[in-house]
């Protein structure tokens, strides 16, 4: 059975039932994330990459699976971590862009849930 649309709760339930289509979609997510992260590693050589995805919230093992699929010599030197902000990051980023462009503020410290600051 092929679904045209679903939500995250139905997808998580399908994965927990080990449905092949859901597991294949999760594998595809891992594969494409690894491709994108390999491109970031080759271009920027970052020390850390923060992943802001519902998949990392519902499937914490996804980050390890992505790390295993990286095909880059710099892989051991770059950490993949989940974002604690989730949907809040979009709002904070939009606010930061507006404040910087409209008010001319070059650095803005905003408190976040985890106790860290900075945007």
PDB file of N, CA and C in Angstrom:
ATOM      1  N   UNK A   1       0.837  -1.178   0.000  1.00  0.00           N
ATOM      2  CA  UNK A   1       0.000   0.000   0.000  1.00  0.00           C
ATOM      3  C   UNK A   1       0.882   1.241   0.000  1.00  0.00           C
ATOM      4  N   UNK A   2       0.629   2.158  -0.921  1.00  0.00           N
ATOM      5  CA  UNK A   2       1.395   3.389  -1.014  1.00  0.00           C
ATOM      6  C   UNK A   2       0.557   4.544  -0.492  1.00  0.00           C
ATOM      7  N   UNK A   3       1.124   5.316   0.424  1.00  0.00           N
ATOM      8  CA  UNK A   3       0.430   6.465   0.980  1.00  0.00           C
ATOM      9  C   UNK A   3       0.867   7.726   0.258  1.00  0.00           C
ATOM     10  N   UNK A   4      -0.088   8.567  -0.066  1.00  0.00           N
ATOM     11  CA  UNK A   4       0.240   9.856  -0.671  1.00  0.00           C
ATOM     12  C   UNK A   4       0.714  10.841   0.390  1.00  0.00           C
ATOM     13  N   UNK A   5       0.067  10.806   1.570  1.00  0.00           N
ATOM     14  CA  UNK A   5       0.435  11.694   2.665  1.00  0.00           C
ATOM     15  C   UNK A   5       0.335  10.933   3.987  1.00  0.00           C
ATOM     16  N   UNK A   6       1.120  11.382   4.952  1.00  0.00           N
ATOM     17  CA  UNK A   6       1.050  10.824   6.298  1.00  0.00           C
ATOM     18  C   UNK A   6       1.551  11.880   7.266  1.00  0.00           C
ATOM     19  N   UNK A   7       1.480  11.615   8.544  1.00  0.00           N
ATOM     20  CA  UNK A   7       2.054  12.524   9.529  1.00  0.00           C
ATOM     21  C   UNK A   7       3.128  11.773  10.311  1.00  0.00           C
ATOM     22  N   UNK A   8       3.841  12.507  11.144  1.00  0.00           N
ATOM     23  CA  UNK A   8       4.984  11.908  11.838  1.00  0.00           C
ATOM     24  C   UNK A   8       4.551  10.797  12.791  1.00  0.00           C
ATOM     25  N   UNK A   9       3.406  10.963  13.436  1.00  0.00           N
ATOM     26  CA  UNK A   9       2.943   9.926  14.369  1.00  0.00           C
ATOM     27  C   UNK A   9       2.646   8.615  13.646  1.00  0.00           C
ATOM     28  N   UNK A  10       1.982   8.715  12.481  1.00  0.00           N
ATOM     29  CA  UNK A  10       1.693   7.506  11.700  1.00  0.00           C
ATOM     30  C   UNK A  10       2.984   6.881  11.180  1.00  0.00           C
ATOM     31  N   UNK A  11       3.948   7.728  10.809  1.00  0.00           N
ATOM     32  CA  UNK A  11       5.229   7.222  10.312  1.00  0.00           C
ATOM     33  C   UNK A  11       5.994   6.499  11.419  1.00  0.00           C
ATOM     34  N   UNK A  12       6.025   7.087  12.611  1.00  0.00           N
ATOM     35  CA  UNK A  12       6.706   6.454  13.746  1.00  0.00           C
ATOM     36  C   UNK A  12       6.045   5.115  14.062  1.00  0.00           C
ATOM     37  N   UNK A  13       4.716   5.085  14.045  1.00  0.00           N
ATOM     38  CA  UNK A  13       3.996   3.837  14.316  1.00  0.00           C
ATOM     39  C   UNK A  13       4.325   2.786  13.252  1.00  0.00           C
ATOM     40  N   UNK A  14       4.391   3.208  11.991  1.00  0.00           N
ATOM     41  CA  UNK A  14       4.716   2.274  10.910  1.00  0.00           C
ATOM     42  C   UNK A  14       6.131   1.725  11.070  1.00  0.00           C
ATOM     43  N   UNK A  15       7.058   2.572  11.489  1.00  0.00           N
ATOM     44  CA  UNK A  15       8.436   2.104  11.724  1.00  0.00           C
ATOM     45  C   UNK A  15       8.491   1.132  12.893  1.00  0.00           C
ATOM     46  N   UNK A  16       7.725   1.408  13.938  1.00  0.00           N
ATOM     47  CA  UNK A  16       7.741   0.498  15.088  1.00  0.00           C
ATOM     48  C   UNK A  16       7.118  -0.852  14.748  1.00  0.00           C
ATOM     49  N   UNK A  17       6.225  -0.875  13.740  1.00  0.00           N
ATOM     50  CA  UNK A  17       5.653  -2.142  13.261  1.00  0.00           C
ATOM     51  C   UNK A  17       6.548  -2.797  12.213  1.00  0.00           C
ATOM     52  N   UNK A  18       7.704  -2.167  11.939  1.00  0.00           N
ATOM     53  CA  UNK A  18       8.673  -2.683  10.965  1.00  0.00           C
ATOM     54  C   UNK A  18       8.084  -2.796   9.559  1.00  0.00           C
ATOM     55  N   UNK A  19       7.241  -1.836   9.182  1.00  0.00           N
ATOM     56  CA  UNK A  19       6.673  -1.847   7.839  1.00  0.00           C
ATOM     57  C   UNK A  19       7.764  -1.506   6.836  1.00  0.00           C
ATOM     58  N   UNK A  20       7.907  -2.309   5.799  1.00  0.00           N
ATOM     59  CA  UNK A  20       9.009  -2.120   4.844  1.00  0.00           C
ATOM     60  C   UNK A  20       9.051  -0.735   4.190  1.00  0.00           C
ATOM     61  N   UNK A  21       7.900  -0.182   3.815  1.00  0.00           N
ATOM     62  CA  UNK A  21       7.905   1.135   3.160  1.00  0.00           C
ATOM     63  C   UNK A  21       8.397   2.218   4.108  1.00  0.00           C
ATOM     64  N   UNK A  22       7.980   2.154   5.366  1.00  0.00           N
ATOM     65  CA  UNK A  22       8.413   3.159   6.334  1.00  0.00           C
ATOM     66  C   UNK A  22       9.915   3.033   6.596  1.00  0.00           C
ATOM     67  N   UNK A  23      10.391   1.809   6.746  1.00  0.00           N
ATOM     68  CA  UNK A  23      11.818   1.605   6.979  1.00  0.00           C
ATOM     69  C   UNK A  23      12.646   2.028   5.769  1.00  0.00           C
ATOM     70  N   UNK A  24      12.116   1.789   4.568  1.00  0.00           N
ATOM     71  CA  UNK A  24      12.811   2.213   3.346  1.00  0.00           C
ATOM     72  C   UNK A  24      12.890   3.737   3.283  1.00  0.00           C
ATOM     73  N   UNK A  25      11.821   4.413   3.688  1.00  0.00           N
ATOM     74  CA  UNK A  25      11.826   5.877   3.693  1.00  0.00           C
ATOM     75  C   UNK A  25      12.836   6.408   4.704  1.00  0.00           C
ATOM     76  N   UNK A  26      12.925   5.779   5.856  1.00  0.00           N
ATOM     77  CA  UNK A  26      13.909   6.182   6.855  1.00  0.00           C
ATOM     78  C   UNK A  26      15.331   5.947   6.334  1.00  0.00           C
ATOM     79  N   UNK A  27      15.552   4.836   5.653  1.00  0.00           N
ATOM     80  CA  UNK A  27      16.861   4.568   5.039  1.00  0.00           C
ATOM     81  C   UNK A  27      17.195   5.620   3.991  1.00  0.00           C
ATOM     82  N   UNK A  28      16.194   6.034   3.219  1.00  0.00           N
ATOM     83  CA  UNK A  28      16.410   7.057   2.194  1.00  0.00           C
ATOM     84  C   UNK A  28      16.778   8.397   2.837  1.00  0.00           C
ATOM     85  N   UNK A  29      16.116   8.724   3.948  1.00  0.00           N
ATOM     86  CA  UNK A  29      16.454   9.940   4.689  1.00  0.00           C
ATOM     87  C   UNK A  29      17.916   9.904   5.127  1.00  0.00           C
ATOM     88  N   UNK A  30      18.345   8.780   5.688  1.00  0.00           N
ATOM     89  CA  UNK A  30      19.729   8.622   6.145  1.00  0.00           C
ATOM     90  C   UNK A  30      20.691   8.783   4.976  1.00  0.00           C
ATOM     91  N   UNK A  31      20.379   8.162   3.855  1.00  0.00           N
ATOM     92  CA  UNK A  31      21.261   8.218   2.681  1.00  0.00           C
ATOM     93  C   UNK A  31      21.414   9.645   2.162  1.00  0.00           C
ATOM     94  N   UNK A  32      20.289  10.355   2.010  1.00  0.00           N
ATOM     95  CA  UNK A  32      20.363  11.726   1.488  1.00  0.00           C
ATOM     96  C   UNK A  32      21.001  12.691   2.486  1.00  0.00           C
ATOM     97  N   UNK A  33      20.771  12.500   3.767  1.00  0.00           N
ATOM     98  CA  UNK A  33      21.431  13.342   4.766  1.00  0.00           C
ATOM     99  C   UNK A  33      22.943  13.116   4.720  1.00  0.00           C
ATOM    100  N   UNK A  34      23.360  11.869   4.574  1.00  0.00           N
ATOM    101  CA  UNK A  34      24.790  11.574   4.495  1.00  0.00           C
ATOM    102  C   UNK A  34      25.415  12.231   3.267  1.00  0.00           C
ATOM    103  N   UNK A  35      24.715  12.214   2.148  1.00  0.00           N
ATOM    104  CA  UNK A  35      25.221  12.876   0.936  1.00  0.00           C
ATOM    105  C   UNK A  35      25.384  14.371   1.173  1.00  0.00           C
ATOM    106  N   UNK A  36      24.360  15.002   1.750  1.00  0.00           N
ATOM    107  CA  UNK A  36      24.427  16.434   2.028  1.00  0.00           C
ATOM    108  C   UNK A  36      25.519  16.782   3.021  1.00  0.00           C
ATOM    109  N   UNK A  37      25.661  15.980   4.058  1.00  0.00           N
ATOM    110  CA  UNK A  37      26.684  16.246   5.069  1.00  0.00           C
ATOM    111  C   UNK A  37      28.077  16.020   4.502  1.00  0.00           C
ATOM    112  N   UNK A  38      28.234  15.021   3.641  1.00  0.00           N
ATOM    113  CA  UNK A  38      29.527  14.842   2.965  1.00  0.00           C
ATOM    114  C   UNK A  38      29.885  16.087   2.171  1.00  0.00           C
ATOM    115  N   UNK A  39      28.910  16.674   1.502  1.00  0.00           N
ATOM    116  CA  UNK A  39      29.165  17.911   0.758  1.00  0.00           C
ATOM    117  C   UNK A  39      29.583  19.036   1.694  1.00  0.00           C
ATOM    118  N   UNK A  40      28.927  19.147   2.850  1.00  0.00           N
ATOM    119  CA  UNK A  40      29.313  20.168   3.832  1.00  0.00           C
ATOM    120  C   UNK A  40      30.721  19.927   4.342  1.00  0.00           C
ATOM    121  N   UNK A  41      31.056  18.671   4.625  1.00  0.00           N
ATOM    122  CA  UNK A  41      32.401  18.349   5.105  1.00  0.00           C
ATOM    123  C   UNK A  41      33.459  18.709   4.074  1.00  0.00           C
ATOM    124  N   UNK A  42      33.194  18.388   2.823  1.00  0.00           N
ATOM    125  CA  UNK A  42      34.158  18.684   1.758  1.00  0.00           C
ATOM    126  C   UNK A  42      34.300  20.178   1.506  1.00  0.00           C
ATOM    127  N   UNK A  43      33.220  20.918   1.695  1.00  0.00           N
ATOM    128  CA  UNK A  43      33.242  22.347   1.397  1.00  0.00           C
ATOM    129  C   UNK A  43      33.750  23.185   2.563  1.00  0.00           C
ATOM    130  N   UNK A  44      33.248  22.922   3.755  1.00  0.00           N
ATOM    131  CA  UNK A  44      33.519  23.800   4.887  1.00  0.00           C
ATOM    132  C   UNK A  44      34.378  23.189   5.987  1.00  0.00           C
ATOM    133  N   UNK A  45      34.487  21.855   6.049  1.00  0.00           N
ATOM    134  CA  UNK A  45      35.249  21.162   7.078  1.00  0.00           C
ATOM    135  C   UNK A  45      34.872  21.636   8.491  1.00  0.00           C
ATOM    136  N   UNK A  46      33.584  21.557   8.851  1.00  0.00           N
ATOM    137  CA  UNK A  46      33.164  22.037  10.172  1.00  0.00           C
ATOM    138  C   UNK A  46      33.549  21.062  11.287  1.00  0.00           C
ATOM    139  N   UNK A  47      33.585  21.569  12.511  1.00  0.00           N
ATOM    140  CA  UNK A  47      33.842  20.732  13.675  1.00  0.00           C
ATOM    141  C   UNK A  47      32.565  20.071  14.172  1.00  0.00           C
ATOM    142  N   UNK A  48      31.434  20.728  13.917  1.00  0.00           N
ATOM    143  CA  UNK A  48      30.149  20.233  14.397  1.00  0.00           C
ATOM    144  C   UNK A  48      29.062  20.604  13.391  1.00  0.00           C
ATOM    145  N   UNK A  49      28.102  19.707  13.231  1.00  0.00           N
ATOM    146  CA  UNK A  49      26.931  19.979  12.399  1.00  0.00           C
ATOM    147  C   UNK A  49      25.714  19.691  13.264  1.00  0.00           C
ATOM    148  N   UNK A  50      24.844  20.687  13.386  1.00  0.00           N
ATOM    149  CA  UNK A  50      23.635  20.553  14.178  1.00  0.00           C
ATOM    150  C   UNK A  50      22.494  20.199  13.233  1.00  0.00           C
ATOM    151  N   UNK A  51      21.838  19.083  13.509  1.00  0.00           N
ATOM    152  CA  UNK A  51      20.739  18.607  12.678  1.00  0.00           C
ATOM    153  C   UNK A  51      19.422  18.985  13.354  1.00  0.00           C
ATOM    154  N   UNK A  52      18.595  19.732  12.661  1.00  0.00           N
ATOM    155  CA  UNK A  52      17.298  20.148  13.184  1.00  0.00           C
ATOM    156  C   UNK A  52      16.215  19.403  12.411  1.00  0.00           C
ATOM    157  N   UNK A  53      15.843  18.235  12.907  1.00  0.00           N
ATOM    158  CA  UNK A  53      14.878  17.391  12.214  1.00  0.00           C
ATOM    159  C   UNK A  53      14.028  16.627  13.215  1.00  0.00           C
ATOM    160  N   UNK A  54      12.756  16.467  12.897  1.00  0.00           N
ATOM    161  CA  UNK A  54      11.881  15.642  13.737  1.00  0.00           C
ATOM    162  C   UNK A  54      12.365  14.198  13.761  1.00  0.00           C
ATOM    163  N   UNK A  55      13.019  13.781  12.690  1.00  0.00           N
ATOM    164  CA  UNK A  55      13.518  12.406  12.638  1.00  0.00           C
ATOM    165  C   UNK A  55      14.509  12.137  13.762  1.00  0.00           C
ATOM    166  N   UNK A  56      15.347  13.118  14.102  1.00  0.00           N
ATOM    167  CA  UNK A  56      16.316  12.906  15.166  1.00  0.00           C
ATOM    168  C   UNK A  56      15.653  12.901  16.536  1.00  0.00           C
ATOM    169  N   UNK A  57      14.489  13.517  16.646  1.00  0.00           N
ATOM    170  CA  UNK A  57      13.739  13.491  17.899  1.00  0.00           C
ATOM    171  C   UNK A  57      13.075  12.135  18.081  1.00  0.00           C
ATOM    172  N   UNK A  58      12.425  11.654  17.039  1.00  0.00           N
ATOM    173  CA  UNK A  58      11.689  10.398  17.115  1.00  0.00           C
ATOM    174  C   UNK A  58      12.585   9.172  16.941  1.00  0.00           C
ATOM    175  N   UNK A  59      13.690   9.339  16.232  1.00  0.00           N
ATOM    176  CA  UNK A  59      14.608   8.229  15.968  1.00  0.00           C
ATOM    177  C   UNK A  59      16.033   8.669  16.326  1.00  0.00           C
ATOM    178  N   UNK A  60      16.397   8.668  17.611  1.00  0.00           N
ATOM    179  CA  UNK A  60      17.720   9.157  18.012  1.00  0.00           C
ATOM    180  C   UNK A  60      18.878   8.412  17.349  1.00  0.00           C
ATOM    181  N   UNK A  61      18.665   7.162  16.960  1.00  0.00           N
ATOM    182  CA  UNK A  61      19.735   6.377  16.328  1.00  0.00           C
ATOM    183  C   UNK A  61      20.053   6.846  14.917  1.00  0.00           C
ATOM    184  N   UNK A  62      19.230   7.717  14.357  1.00  0.00           N
ATOM    185  CA  UNK A  62      19.436   8.200  12.987  1.00  0.00           C
ATOM    186  C   UNK A  62      20.775   8.913  12.850  1.00  0.00           C
ATOM    187  N   UNK A  63      21.177   9.686  13.848  1.00  0.00           N
ATOM    188  CA  UNK A  63      22.460  10.392  13.755  1.00  0.00           C
ATOM    189  C   UNK A  63      23.622   9.423  13.638  1.00  0.00           C
ATOM    190  N   UNK A  64      23.575   8.344  14.393  1.00  0.00           N
ATOM    191  CA  UNK A  64      24.630   7.328  14.292  1.00  0.00           C
ATOM    192  C   UNK A  64      24.634   6.684  12.912  1.00  0.00           C
ATOM    193  N   UNK A  65      23.441   6.409  12.391  1.00  0.00           N
ATOM    194  CA  UNK A  65      23.355   5.799  11.063  1.00  0.00           C
ATOM    195  C   UNK A  65      23.882   6.743   9.993  1.00  0.00           C
ATOM    196  N   UNK A  66      23.583   8.032  10.111  1.00  0.00           N
ATOM    197  CA  UNK A  66      24.107   9.012   9.155  1.00  0.00           C
ATOM    198  C   UNK A  66      25.624   9.046   9.249  1.00  0.00           C
ATOM    199  N   UNK A  67      26.143   9.084  10.482  1.00  0.00           N
ATOM    200  CA  UNK A  67      27.598   9.121  10.696  1.00  0.00           C
ATOM    201  C   UNK A  67      28.272   7.913  10.035  1.00  0.00           C
ATOM    202  N   UNK A  68      27.649   6.741  10.136  1.00  0.00           N
ATOM    203  CA  UNK A  68      28.212   5.536   9.530  1.00  0.00           C
ATOM    204  C   UNK A  68      28.237   5.604   8.006  1.00  0.00           C
ATOM    205  N   UNK A  69      27.328   6.367   7.404  1.00  0.00           N
ATOM    206  CA  UNK A  69      27.243   6.464   5.951  1.00  0.00           C
ATOM    207  C   UNK A  69      28.125   7.565   5.368  1.00  0.00           C
ATOM    208  N   UNK A  70      28.784   8.335   6.209  1.00  0.00           N
ATOM    209  CA  UNK A  70      29.634   9.406   5.693  1.00  0.00           C
ATOM    210  C   UNK A  70      30.854   8.811   5.015  1.00  0.00           C
ATOM    211  N   UNK A  71      31.166   9.325   3.856  1.00  0.00           N
ATOM    212  CA  UNK A  71      32.290   8.835   3.066  1.00  0.00           C
ATOM    213  C   UNK A  71      33.325   9.954   2.918  1.00  0.00           C
ATOM    214  N   UNK A  72      33.961  10.276   4.020  1.00  0.00           N
ATOM    215  CA  UNK A  72      34.868  11.402   4.007  1.00  0.00           C
ATOM    216  C   UNK A  72      35.956  11.165   5.049  1.00  0.00           C
ATOM    217  N   UNK A  73      37.163  11.568   4.749  1.00  0.00           N
ATOM    218  CA  UNK A  73      38.262  11.410   5.702  1.00  0.00           C
ATOM    219  C   UNK A  73      38.082  12.283   6.934  1.00  0.00           C
ATOM    220  N   UNK A  74      37.339  13.375   6.815  1.00  0.00           N
ATOM    221  CA  UNK A  74      37.148  14.297   7.928  1.00  0.00           C
ATOM    222  C   UNK A  74      36.058  13.819   8.881  1.00  0.00           C
ATOM    223  N   UNK A  75      35.390  12.735   8.551  1.00  0.00           N
ATOM    224  CA  UNK A  75      34.280  12.212   9.347  1.00  0.00           C
ATOM    225  C   UNK A  75      34.601  12.089  10.833  1.00  0.00           C
ATOM    226  N   UNK A  76      35.772  11.556  11.213  1.00  0.00           N
ATOM    227  CA  UNK A  76      36.039  11.414  12.651  1.00  0.00           C
ATOM    228  C   UNK A  76      36.184  12.743  13.391  1.00  0.00           C
ATOM    229  N   UNK A  77      36.424  13.833  12.666  1.00  0.00           N
ATOM    230  CA  UNK A  77      36.681  15.116  13.292  1.00  0.00           C
ATOM    231  C   UNK A  77      35.437  15.999  13.387  1.00  0.00           C
ATOM    232  N   UNK A  78      34.336  15.549  12.832  1.00  0.00           N
ATOM    233  CA  UNK A  78      33.105  16.337  12.828  1.00  0.00           C
ATOM    234  C   UNK A  78      32.035  15.600  13.628  1.00  0.00           C
ATOM    235  N   UNK A  79      31.427  16.312  14.580  1.00  0.00           N
ATOM    236  CA  UNK A  79      30.352  15.720  15.377  1.00  0.00           C
ATOM    237  C   UNK A  79      29.000  16.108  14.800  1.00  0.00           C
ATOM    238  N   UNK A  80      28.096  15.158  14.758  1.00  0.00           N
ATOM    239  CA  UNK A  80      26.705  15.418  14.411  1.00  0.00           C
ATOM    240  C   UNK A  80      25.912  15.439  15.704  1.00  0.00           C
ATOM    241  N   UNK A  81      25.165  16.512  15.931  1.00  0.00           N
ATOM    242  CA  UNK A  81      24.368  16.617  17.147  1.00  0.00           C
ATOM    243  C   UNK A  81      22.949  17.056  16.789  1.00  0.00           C
ATOM    244  N   UNK A  82      21.970  16.597  17.570  1.00  0.00           N
ATOM    245  CA  UNK A  82      20.595  17.046  17.316  1.00  0.00           C
ATOM    246  C   UNK A  82      20.375  18.434  17.899  1.00  0.00           C
ATOM    247  N   UNK A  83      19.528  19.203  17.248  1.00  0.00           N
ATOM    248  CA  UNK A  83      19.175  20.519  17.748  1.00  0.00           C
ATOM    249  C   UNK A  83      18.150  20.380  18.865  1.00  0.00           C
ATOM    250  N   UNK A  84      18.333  21.140  19.911  1.00  0.00           N
ATOM    251  CA  UNK A  84      17.348  21.168  20.982  1.00  0.00           C
ATOM    252  C   UNK A  84      16.246  22.166  20.726  1.00  0.00           C
ATOM    253  N   UNK A  85      16.412  22.976  19.689  1.00  0.00           N
ATOM    254  CA  UNK A  85      15.436  24.034  19.421  1.00  0.00           C
ATOM    255  C   UNK A  85      14.239  23.566  18.598  1.00  0.00           C
ATOM    256  N   UNK A  86      14.436  22.606  17.729  1.00  0.00           N
ATOM    257  CA  UNK A  86      13.391  22.109  16.824  1.00  0.00           C
ATOM    258  C   UNK A  86      12.700  23.265  16.103  1.00  0.00           C
ATOM    259  N   UNK A  87      11.392  23.395  16.198  1.00  0.00           N
ATOM    260  CA  UNK A  87      10.656  24.424  15.450  1.00  0.00           C
ATOM    261  C   UNK A  87      10.983  25.844  15.893  1.00  0.00           C
ATOM    262  N   UNK A  88      11.477  26.009  17.112  1.00  0.00           N
ATOM    263  CA  UNK A  88      11.824  27.337  17.614  1.00  0.00           C
ATOM    264  C   UNK A  88      12.972  27.936  16.811  1.00  0.00           C
ATOM    265  N   UNK A  89      13.837  27.112  16.259  1.00  0.00           N
ATOM    266  CA  UNK A  89      14.985  27.622  15.511  1.00  0.00           C
ATOM    267  C   UNK A  89      14.565  28.440  14.300  1.00  0.00           C
ATOM    268  N   UNK A  90      13.493  28.031  13.663  1.00  0.00           N
ATOM    269  CA  UNK A  90      12.997  28.766  12.495  1.00  0.00           C
ATOM    270  C   UNK A  90      12.551  30.157  12.917  1.00  0.00           C
ATOM    271  N   UNK A  91      11.806  30.233  14.007  1.00  0.00           N
ATOM    272  CA  UNK A  91      11.325  31.515  14.508  1.00  0.00           C
ATOM    273  C   UNK A  91      12.485  32.409  14.942  1.00  0.00           C
ATOM    274  N   UNK A  92      13.453  31.840  15.675  1.00  0.00           N
ATOM    275  CA  UNK A  92      14.606  32.627  16.117  1.00  0.00           C
ATOM    276  C   UNK A  92      15.442  33.119  14.931  1.00  0.00           C
ATOM    277  N   UNK A  93      15.612  32.272  13.923  1.00  0.00           N
ATOM    278  CA  UNK A  93      16.366  32.683  12.739  1.00  0.00           C
ATOM    279  C   UNK A  93      15.682  33.811  11.987  1.00  0.00           C
ATOM    280  N   UNK A  94      14.380  33.708  11.831  1.00  0.00           N
ATOM    281  CA  UNK A  94      13.622  34.767  11.141  1.00  0.00           C
ATOM    282  C   UNK A  94      13.682  36.068  11.930  1.00  0.00           C
ATOM    283  N   UNK A  95      13.530  35.981  13.250  1.00  0.00           N
ATOM    284  CA  UNK A  95      13.603  37.183  14.084  1.00  0.00           C
ATOM    285  C   UNK A  95      14.987  37.813  13.992  1.00  0.00           C
ATOM    286  N   UNK A  96      16.016  36.984  13.994  1.00  0.00           N
ATOM    287  CA  UNK A  96      17.394  37.480  13.915  1.00  0.00           C
ATOM    288  C   UNK A  96      17.637  38.225  12.606  1.00  0.00           C
ATOM    289  N   UNK A  97      17.182  37.655  11.501  1.00  0.00           N
ATOM    290  CA  UNK A  97      17.358  38.303  10.193  1.00  0.00           C
ATOM    291  C   UNK A  97      16.640  39.648  10.168  1.00  0.00           C
ATOM    292  N   UNK A  98      15.420  39.667  10.660  1.00  0.00           N
ATOM    293  CA  UNK A  98      14.645  40.919  10.676  1.00  0.00           C
ATOM    294  C   UNK A  98      15.312  41.971  11.556  1.00  0.00           C
ATOM    295  N   UNK A  99      15.743  41.574  12.740  1.00  0.00           N
ATOM    296  CA  UNK A  99      16.363  42.524  13.668  1.00  0.00           C
ATOM    297  C   UNK A  99      17.672  43.047  13.098  1.00  0.00           C
ATOM    298  N   UNK A 100      18.471  42.166  12.517  1.00  0.00           N
ATOM    299  CA  UNK A 100      19.752  42.612  11.940  1.00  0.00           C
ATOM    300  C   UNK A 100      19.538  43.550  10.761  1.00  0.00           C
ATOM    301  N   UNK A 101      18.621  43.184   9.867  1.00  0.00           N
ATOM    302  CA  UNK A 101      18.425  43.996   8.668  1.00  0.00           C
ATOM    303  C   UNK A 101      17.656  45.286   8.946  1.00  0.00           C
ATOM    304  N   UNK A 102      16.651  45.236   9.794  1.00  0.00           N
ATOM    305  CA  UNK A 102      15.814  46.401  10.032  1.00  0.00           C
ATOM    306  C   UNK A 102      16.419  47.342  11.062  1.00  0.00           C
ATOM    307  N   UNK A 103      16.932  46.786  12.159  1.00  0.00           N
ATOM    308  CA  UNK A 103      17.466  47.617  13.231  1.00  0.00           C
ATOM    309  C   UNK A 103      18.978  47.815  13.157  1.00  0.00           C
ATOM    310  N   UNK A 104      19.653  47.027  12.331  1.00  0.00           N
ATOM    311  CA  UNK A 104      21.095  47.164  12.196  1.00  0.00           C
ATOM    312  C   UNK A 104      21.877  46.604  13.374  1.00  0.00           C
ATOM    313  N   UNK A 105      21.278  45.691  14.125  1.00  0.00           N
ATOM    314  CA  UNK A 105      21.956  45.063  15.258  1.00  0.00           C
ATOM    315  C   UNK A 105      22.835  43.945  14.714  1.00  0.00           C
ATOM    316  N   UNK A 106      24.150  44.030  14.977  1.00  0.00           N
ATOM    317  CA  UNK A 106      25.060  43.036  14.388  1.00  0.00           C
ATOM    318  C   UNK A 106      25.178  41.764  15.224  1.00  0.00           C
ATOM    319  N   UNK A 107      24.953  41.845  16.532  1.00  0.00           N
ATOM    320  CA  UNK A 107      25.029  40.646  17.380  1.00  0.00           C
ATOM    321  C   UNK A 107      23.860  40.678  18.353  1.00  0.00           C
ATOM    322  N   UNK A 108      23.180  39.551  18.464  1.00  0.00           N
ATOM    323  CA  UNK A 108      21.978  39.485  19.281  1.00  0.00           C
ATOM    324  C   UNK A 108      22.027  38.237  20.142  1.00  0.00           C
ATOM    325  N   UNK A 109      21.901  38.382  21.444  1.00  0.00           N
ATOM    326  CA  UNK A 109      21.831  37.239  22.353  1.00  0.00           C
ATOM    327  C   UNK A 109      20.384  37.021  22.748  1.00  0.00           C
ATOM    328  N   UNK A 110      19.861  35.862  22.386  1.00  0.00           N
ATOM    329  CA  UNK A 110      18.498  35.490  22.768  1.00  0.00           C
ATOM    330  C   UNK A 110      18.561  34.264  23.653  1.00  0.00           C
ATOM    331  N   UNK A 111      17.842  34.269  24.769  1.00  0.00           N
ATOM    332  CA  UNK A 111      17.841  33.068  25.608  1.00  0.00           C
ATOM    333  C   UNK A 111      17.084  31.948  24.921  1.00  0.00           C
ATOM    334  N   UNK A 112      17.580  30.726  25.074  1.00  0.00           N
ATOM    335  CA  UNK A 112      16.916  29.554  24.522  1.00  0.00           C
ATOM    336  C   UNK A 112      16.600  28.588  25.656  1.00  0.00           C
ATOM    337  N   UNK A 113      15.774  27.599  25.402  1.00  0.00           N
ATOM    338  CA  UNK A 113      15.287  26.678  26.428  1.00  0.00           C
ATOM    339  C   UNK A 113      16.395  25.985  27.196  1.00  0.00           C
ATOM    340  N   UNK A 114      17.447  25.582  26.524  1.00  0.00           N
ATOM    341  CA  UNK A 114      18.481  24.780  27.185  1.00  0.00           C
ATOM    342  C   UNK A 114      19.393  25.608  28.086  1.00  0.00           C
ATOM    343  N   UNK A 115      19.170  26.916  28.152  1.00  0.00           N
ATOM    344  CA  UNK A 115      20.003  27.768  28.987  1.00  0.00           C
ATOM    345  C   UNK A 115      21.150  28.413  28.224  1.00  0.00           C
ATOM    346  N   UNK A 116      21.355  27.997  26.958  1.00  0.00           N
ATOM    347  CA  UNK A 116      22.400  28.604  26.138  1.00  0.00           C
ATOM    348  C   UNK A 116      21.874  29.902  25.569  1.00  0.00           C
ATOM    349  N   UNK A 117      22.762  30.756  25.106  1.00  0.00           N
ATOM    350  CA  UNK A 117      22.361  31.995  24.470  1.00  0.00           C
ATOM    351  C   UNK A 117      23.107  32.162  23.169  1.00  0.00           C
ATOM    352  N   UNK A 118      22.585  33.046  22.341  1.00  0.00           N
ATOM    353  CA  UNK A 118      23.294  33.411  21.129  1.00  0.00           C
ATOM    354  C   UNK A 118      22.565  33.092  19.865  1.00  0.00           C
ATOM    355  N   UNK A 119      22.539  34.023  18.973  1.00  0.00           N
ATOM    356  CA  UNK A 119      22.010  33.844  17.624  1.00  0.00           C
ATOM    357  C   UNK A 119      22.926  34.589  16.689  1.00  0.00           C
TER     358      UNK A 119
END
